[in-house]
Amino acid sequence: MEVVNVSGLKNNPSEALRMARKDVVVVMNRDTPDALMVGIESAGLLDASGVKPALATALFRDGHLSLVRSAKLAGMGVPEFAQHVSRLGIAIVRLDAKEAARDMDTLDEWLAAS
């Protein structure tokens, strides 16, 4: 087990991540254990069936990964992953009303020029 304090984590997060790849890291806040860091790959957490697609789906749904990066993490092609999240009711394209109107204006201009 490795130990890092909060200030060490702030000053050098890369070192804490390197340690977490090898062993569990306890993050101490003053004299109290506050969090655990576990290297996902070294712990074999991604090896179980369905874990990578589930993690990729959650990260995409919450906006932390792009469609392409999520598909790669899931071990799927982009079209396959797009179908997967669509079946789950997760929007592939997220536009607000203003962006959608702008895109429609661009499409109208493009069609008029054709």
N, C-alpha and C. Protein backbone atom coordinates (compact mmCIF):
# COMPACT_ATOMS: atom_id res chain seq x y z
N MET A 1 0.84 -1.17 0.00
CA MET A 1 0.00 0.00 0.00
C MET A 1 0.89 1.24 0.00
N GLU A 2 0.49 2.22 -0.80
CA GLU A 2 1.20 3.49 -0.88
C GLU A 2 0.35 4.56 -0.20
N VAL A 3 0.99 5.63 0.21
CA VAL A 3 0.29 6.73 0.88
C VAL A 3 0.74 8.05 0.25
N VAL A 4 -0.21 8.93 0.03
CA VAL A 4 0.08 10.27 -0.44
C VAL A 4 -0.85 11.22 0.31
N ASN A 5 -0.34 12.40 0.67
CA ASN A 5 -1.22 13.36 1.33
C ASN A 5 -1.84 14.28 0.28
N VAL A 6 -2.86 15.01 0.66
CA VAL A 6 -3.61 15.84 -0.27
C VAL A 6 -2.69 16.86 -0.95
N SER A 7 -1.80 17.47 -0.21
CA SER A 7 -0.91 18.46 -0.82
C SER A 7 0.02 17.80 -1.84
N GLY A 8 0.49 16.59 -1.54
CA GLY A 8 1.31 15.86 -2.50
C GLY A 8 0.53 15.49 -3.74
N LEU A 9 -0.74 15.19 -3.56
CA LEU A 9 -1.60 14.87 -4.70
C LEU A 9 -1.81 16.10 -5.58
N LYS A 10 -1.99 17.27 -4.94
CA LYS A 10 -2.15 18.51 -5.70
C LYS A 10 -0.88 18.88 -6.45
N ASN A 11 0.26 18.74 -5.77
CA ASN A 11 1.54 19.15 -6.36
C ASN A 11 2.04 18.21 -7.44
N ASN A 12 1.76 16.91 -7.31
CA ASN A 12 2.29 15.95 -8.27
C ASN A 12 1.29 14.80 -8.47
N PRO A 13 0.17 15.08 -9.15
CA PRO A 13 -0.82 14.02 -9.35
C PRO A 13 -0.29 12.86 -10.19
N SER A 14 0.65 13.14 -11.08
CA SER A 14 1.21 12.08 -11.93
C SER A 14 1.90 11.00 -11.10
N GLU A 15 2.60 11.42 -10.05
CA GLU A 15 3.27 10.45 -9.18
C GLU A 15 2.26 9.55 -8.49
N ALA A 16 1.17 10.14 -8.01
CA ALA A 16 0.13 9.34 -7.35
C ALA A 16 -0.49 8.35 -8.34
N LEU A 17 -0.69 8.77 -9.58
CA LEU A 17 -1.24 7.87 -10.59
C LEU A 17 -0.27 6.73 -10.91
N ARG A 18 1.02 7.04 -10.98
CA ARG A 18 2.02 5.98 -11.20
C ARG A 18 1.99 4.97 -10.06
N MET A 19 1.88 5.49 -8.83
CA MET A 19 1.82 4.58 -7.67
C MET A 19 0.56 3.73 -7.72
N ALA A 20 -0.57 4.32 -8.15
CA ALA A 20 -1.83 3.59 -8.19
C ALA A 20 -1.81 2.48 -9.23
N ARG A 21 -0.97 2.61 -10.24
CA ARG A 21 -0.85 1.53 -11.24
C ARG A 21 -0.20 0.30 -10.65
N LYS A 22 0.59 0.49 -9.59
CA LYS A 22 1.32 -0.62 -8.98
C LYS A 22 0.62 -1.17 -7.74
N ASP A 23 -0.05 -0.30 -6.99
CA ASP A 23 -0.62 -0.71 -5.71
C ASP A 23 -1.74 0.27 -5.33
N VAL A 24 -2.48 -0.08 -4.33
CA VAL A 24 -3.52 0.81 -3.80
C VAL A 24 -2.84 2.01 -3.13
N VAL A 25 -3.38 3.20 -3.39
CA VAL A 25 -2.84 4.42 -2.80
C VAL A 25 -3.89 5.01 -1.86
N VAL A 26 -3.51 5.24 -0.63
CA VAL A 26 -4.39 5.89 0.34
C VAL A 26 -4.07 7.38 0.33
N VAL A 27 -5.09 8.20 0.12
CA VAL A 27 -4.92 9.65 0.13
C VAL A 27 -5.27 10.13 1.53
N MET A 28 -4.29 10.75 2.17
CA MET A 28 -4.48 11.23 3.55
C MET A 28 -4.80 12.72 3.54
N ASN A 29 -5.79 13.11 4.32
CA ASN A 29 -6.13 14.50 4.54
C ASN A 29 -5.81 14.79 6.00
N ARG A 30 -4.71 15.47 6.19
CA ARG A 30 -4.09 15.64 7.51
C ARG A 30 -3.73 14.26 8.04
N ASP A 31 -4.30 13.81 9.11
CA ASP A 31 -3.97 12.49 9.65
C ASP A 31 -5.08 11.48 9.43
N THR A 32 -5.99 11.78 8.51
CA THR A 32 -7.14 10.91 8.30
C THR A 32 -7.17 10.39 6.86
N PRO A 33 -7.34 9.09 6.69
CA PRO A 33 -7.50 8.56 5.32
C PRO A 33 -8.77 9.15 4.71
N ASP A 34 -8.64 9.69 3.50
CA ASP A 34 -9.77 10.38 2.88
C ASP A 34 -10.26 9.70 1.61
N ALA A 35 -9.37 9.02 0.89
CA ALA A 35 -9.76 8.40 -0.37
C ALA A 35 -8.79 7.29 -0.72
N LEU A 36 -9.22 6.45 -1.64
CA LEU A 36 -8.37 5.40 -2.19
C LEU A 36 -8.23 5.60 -3.68
N MET A 37 -7.05 5.37 -4.18
CA MET A 37 -6.81 5.37 -5.62
C MET A 37 -6.40 3.95 -6.00
N VAL A 38 -7.07 3.42 -7.01
CA VAL A 38 -6.77 2.06 -7.46
C VAL A 38 -6.56 2.11 -8.96
N GLY A 39 -5.47 1.57 -9.42
CA GLY A 39 -5.22 1.49 -10.87
C GLY A 39 -6.20 0.51 -11.49
N ILE A 40 -7.01 0.99 -12.39
CA ILE A 40 -8.07 0.17 -12.99
C ILE A 40 -7.49 -1.04 -13.71
N GLU A 41 -6.47 -0.82 -14.53
CA GLU A 41 -5.93 -1.93 -15.30
C GLU A 41 -5.15 -2.91 -14.44
N SER A 42 -4.35 -2.40 -13.51
CA SER A 42 -3.56 -3.32 -12.68
C SER A 42 -4.45 -4.16 -11.76
N ALA A 43 -5.60 -3.64 -11.40
CA ALA A 43 -6.52 -4.41 -10.56
C ALA A 43 -7.37 -5.36 -11.39
N GLY A 44 -7.25 -5.28 -12.72
CA GLY A 44 -8.01 -6.16 -13.60
C GLY A 44 -9.49 -5.82 -13.65
N LEU A 45 -9.84 -4.60 -13.28
CA LEU A 45 -11.24 -4.22 -13.22
C LEU A 45 -11.91 -4.12 -14.59
N LEU A 46 -11.13 -3.92 -15.63
CA LEU A 46 -11.70 -3.78 -16.97
C LEU A 46 -11.80 -5.11 -17.71
N ASP A 47 -11.31 -6.17 -17.10
CA ASP A 47 -11.26 -7.46 -17.78
C ASP A 47 -12.58 -8.22 -17.76
N ALA A 48 -13.44 -7.94 -16.80
CA ALA A 48 -14.71 -8.66 -16.71
C ALA A 48 -15.60 -8.31 -17.89
N SER A 49 -16.38 -9.27 -18.32
CA SER A 49 -17.25 -9.09 -19.48
C SER A 49 -18.23 -7.94 -19.26
N GLY A 50 -18.30 -7.06 -20.25
CA GLY A 50 -19.27 -5.96 -20.21
C GLY A 50 -18.83 -4.72 -19.47
N VAL A 51 -17.69 -4.77 -18.77
CA VAL A 51 -17.26 -3.62 -17.97
C VAL A 51 -16.82 -2.46 -18.87
N LYS A 52 -16.02 -2.75 -19.88
CA LYS A 52 -15.55 -1.67 -20.75
C LYS A 52 -16.70 -0.97 -21.47
N PRO A 53 -17.62 -1.72 -22.09
CA PRO A 53 -18.75 -1.03 -22.72
C PRO A 53 -19.60 -0.23 -21.73
N ALA A 54 -19.80 -0.76 -20.54
CA ALA A 54 -20.60 -0.04 -19.54
C ALA A 54 -19.90 1.23 -19.09
N LEU A 55 -18.59 1.16 -18.86
CA LEU A 55 -17.83 2.34 -18.45
C LEU A 55 -17.81 3.37 -19.58
N ALA A 56 -17.57 2.91 -20.80
CA ALA A 56 -17.55 3.82 -21.96
C ALA A 56 -18.90 4.51 -22.14
N THR A 57 -19.96 3.76 -21.96
CA THR A 57 -21.31 4.32 -22.10
C THR A 57 -21.57 5.39 -21.05
N ALA A 58 -21.22 5.11 -19.82
CA ALA A 58 -21.43 6.09 -18.74
C ALA A 58 -20.58 7.34 -18.96
N LEU A 59 -19.34 7.17 -19.38
CA LEU A 59 -18.47 8.32 -19.62
C LEU A 59 -18.96 9.16 -20.80
N PHE A 60 -19.49 8.51 -21.83
CA PHE A 60 -20.05 9.25 -22.97
C PHE A 60 -21.33 9.96 -22.55
N ARG A 61 -22.21 9.24 -21.87
CA ARG A 61 -23.50 9.81 -21.43
C ARG A 61 -23.30 11.08 -20.60
N ASP A 62 -22.29 11.05 -19.75
CA ASP A 62 -22.04 12.17 -18.85
C ASP A 62 -21.15 13.25 -19.47
N GLY A 63 -20.76 13.07 -20.74
CA GLY A 63 -20.00 14.09 -21.45
C GLY A 63 -18.52 14.12 -21.15
N HIS A 64 -17.98 13.04 -20.57
CA HIS A 64 -16.56 13.01 -20.24
C HIS A 64 -15.68 12.50 -21.37
N LEU A 65 -16.27 11.72 -22.28
CA LEU A 65 -15.54 11.21 -23.44
C LEU A 65 -16.35 11.46 -24.70
N SER A 66 -15.64 11.65 -25.80
CA SER A 66 -16.30 11.82 -27.09
C SER A 66 -16.83 10.46 -27.56
N LEU A 67 -17.62 10.50 -28.61
CA LEU A 67 -18.16 9.27 -29.19
C LEU A 67 -17.02 8.36 -29.65
N VAL A 68 -16.04 8.93 -30.33
CA VAL A 68 -14.93 8.13 -30.87
C VAL A 68 -14.11 7.50 -29.74
N ARG A 69 -13.77 8.28 -28.74
CA ARG A 69 -12.97 7.74 -27.63
C ARG A 69 -13.77 6.72 -26.82
N SER A 70 -15.06 6.95 -26.67
CA SER A 70 -15.90 5.98 -25.95
C SER A 70 -15.97 4.67 -26.70
N ALA A 71 -16.11 4.76 -28.02
CA ALA A 71 -16.16 3.54 -28.84
C ALA A 71 -14.86 2.76 -28.70
N LYS A 72 -13.75 3.48 -28.72
CA LYS A 72 -12.44 2.82 -28.58
C LYS A 72 -12.33 2.12 -27.22
N LEU A 73 -12.73 2.81 -26.15
CA LEU A 73 -12.69 2.20 -24.82
C LEU A 73 -13.58 0.96 -24.76
N ALA A 74 -14.73 1.04 -25.39
CA ALA A 74 -15.68 -0.08 -25.38
C ALA A 74 -15.22 -1.25 -26.24
N GLY A 75 -14.22 -1.01 -27.09
CA GLY A 75 -13.77 -2.06 -27.99
C GLY A 75 -14.71 -2.25 -29.16
N MET A 76 -15.40 -1.18 -29.55
CA MET A 76 -16.37 -1.24 -30.65
C MET A 76 -15.98 -0.23 -31.71
N GLY A 77 -16.51 -0.44 -32.90
CA GLY A 77 -16.39 0.58 -33.94
C GLY A 77 -17.34 1.72 -33.60
N VAL A 78 -17.10 2.87 -34.19
CA VAL A 78 -17.94 4.04 -33.91
C VAL A 78 -19.40 3.78 -34.29
N PRO A 79 -19.69 3.23 -35.47
CA PRO A 79 -21.11 2.99 -35.80
C PRO A 79 -21.78 2.02 -34.81
N GLU A 80 -21.04 0.98 -34.43
CA GLU A 80 -21.59 0.00 -33.48
C GLU A 80 -21.86 0.65 -32.13
N PHE A 81 -20.93 1.48 -31.65
CA PHE A 81 -21.12 2.14 -30.36
C PHE A 81 -22.25 3.15 -30.45
N ALA A 82 -22.37 3.86 -31.59
CA ALA A 82 -23.46 4.82 -31.77
C ALA A 82 -24.81 4.11 -31.70
N GLN A 83 -24.90 2.94 -32.32
CA GLN A 83 -26.15 2.17 -32.24
C GLN A 83 -26.41 1.71 -30.81
N HIS A 84 -25.36 1.29 -30.13
CA HIS A 84 -25.47 0.83 -28.74
C HIS A 84 -26.05 1.92 -27.85
N VAL A 85 -25.47 3.13 -27.89
CA VAL A 85 -25.97 4.19 -27.01
C VAL A 85 -27.34 4.68 -27.45
N SER A 86 -27.61 4.65 -28.75
CA SER A 86 -28.94 5.05 -29.24
C SER A 86 -30.01 4.11 -28.71
N ARG A 87 -29.72 2.81 -28.71
CA ARG A 87 -30.68 1.84 -28.16
C ARG A 87 -30.97 2.10 -26.69
N LEU A 88 -29.98 2.68 -26.00
CA LEU A 88 -30.16 2.99 -24.58
C LEU A 88 -30.82 4.35 -24.36
N GLY A 89 -31.16 5.03 -25.44
CA GLY A 89 -31.82 6.33 -25.33
C GLY A 89 -30.89 7.48 -25.05
N ILE A 90 -29.60 7.29 -25.33
CA ILE A 90 -28.61 8.34 -25.11
C ILE A 90 -28.38 9.07 -26.43
N ALA A 91 -28.56 10.38 -26.41
CA ALA A 91 -28.40 11.19 -27.63
C ALA A 91 -26.95 11.18 -28.07
N ILE A 92 -26.74 11.02 -29.37
CA ILE A 92 -25.39 11.03 -29.92
C ILE A 92 -24.95 12.47 -30.18
N VAL A 93 -25.86 13.29 -30.61
CA VAL A 93 -25.58 14.70 -30.87
C VAL A 93 -26.36 15.50 -29.85
N ARG A 94 -25.66 16.38 -29.17
CA ARG A 94 -26.31 17.21 -28.16
C ARG A 94 -26.19 18.67 -28.57
N LEU A 95 -27.29 19.23 -29.00
CA LEU A 95 -27.31 20.63 -29.38
C LEU A 95 -28.39 21.35 -28.58
N ASP A 96 -28.10 22.57 -28.19
CA ASP A 96 -29.17 23.37 -27.61
C ASP A 96 -29.95 24.01 -28.75
N ALA A 97 -31.03 24.70 -28.46
CA ALA A 97 -31.90 25.25 -29.49
C ALA A 97 -31.15 26.23 -30.39
N LYS A 98 -30.27 27.01 -29.81
CA LYS A 98 -29.52 28.01 -30.58
C LYS A 98 -28.58 27.32 -31.59
N GLU A 99 -27.88 26.28 -31.14
CA GLU A 99 -26.97 25.55 -32.02
C GLU A 99 -27.74 24.84 -33.13
N ALA A 100 -28.89 24.27 -32.78
CA ALA A 100 -29.71 23.58 -33.77
C ALA A 100 -30.21 24.56 -34.82
N ALA A 101 -30.65 25.74 -34.40
CA ALA A 101 -31.12 26.76 -35.34
C ALA A 101 -29.98 27.20 -36.27
N ARG A 102 -28.79 27.38 -35.70
CA ARG A 102 -27.62 27.75 -36.50
C ARG A 102 -27.30 26.67 -37.53
N ASP A 103 -27.36 25.41 -37.12
CA ASP A 103 -27.11 24.32 -38.05
C ASP A 103 -28.17 24.28 -39.16
N MET A 104 -29.42 24.53 -38.81
CA MET A 104 -30.48 24.54 -39.81
C MET A 104 -30.28 25.68 -40.80
N ASP A 105 -29.84 26.83 -40.30
CA ASP A 105 -29.55 27.97 -41.20
C ASP A 105 -28.42 27.61 -42.15
N THR A 106 -27.39 26.98 -41.65
CA THR A 106 -26.27 26.56 -42.49
C THR A 106 -26.74 25.56 -43.54
N LEU A 107 -27.59 24.63 -43.15
CA LEU A 107 -28.12 23.64 -44.10
C LEU A 107 -28.96 24.33 -45.16
N ASP A 108 -29.80 25.27 -44.75
CA ASP A 108 -30.63 26.01 -45.72
C ASP A 108 -29.75 26.75 -46.72
N GLU A 109 -28.66 27.39 -46.24
CA GLU A 109 -27.74 28.11 -47.12
C GLU A 109 -27.07 27.14 -48.10
N TRP A 110 -26.67 26.00 -47.58
CA TRP A 110 -26.00 25.00 -48.40
C TRP A 110 -26.95 24.47 -49.49
N LEU A 111 -28.20 24.19 -49.09
CA LEU A 111 -29.17 23.68 -50.05
C LEU A 111 -29.51 24.74 -51.11
N ALA A 112 -29.60 25.99 -50.70
CA ALA A 112 -29.90 27.06 -51.64
C ALA A 112 -28.77 27.25 -52.65
N ALA A 113 -27.54 26.99 -52.23
CA ALA A 113 -26.39 27.16 -53.11
C ALA A 113 -26.21 25.98 -54.07
N SER A 114 -26.87 24.86 -53.79
CA SER A 114 -26.70 23.66 -54.61
C SER A 114 -27.49 23.74 -55.90
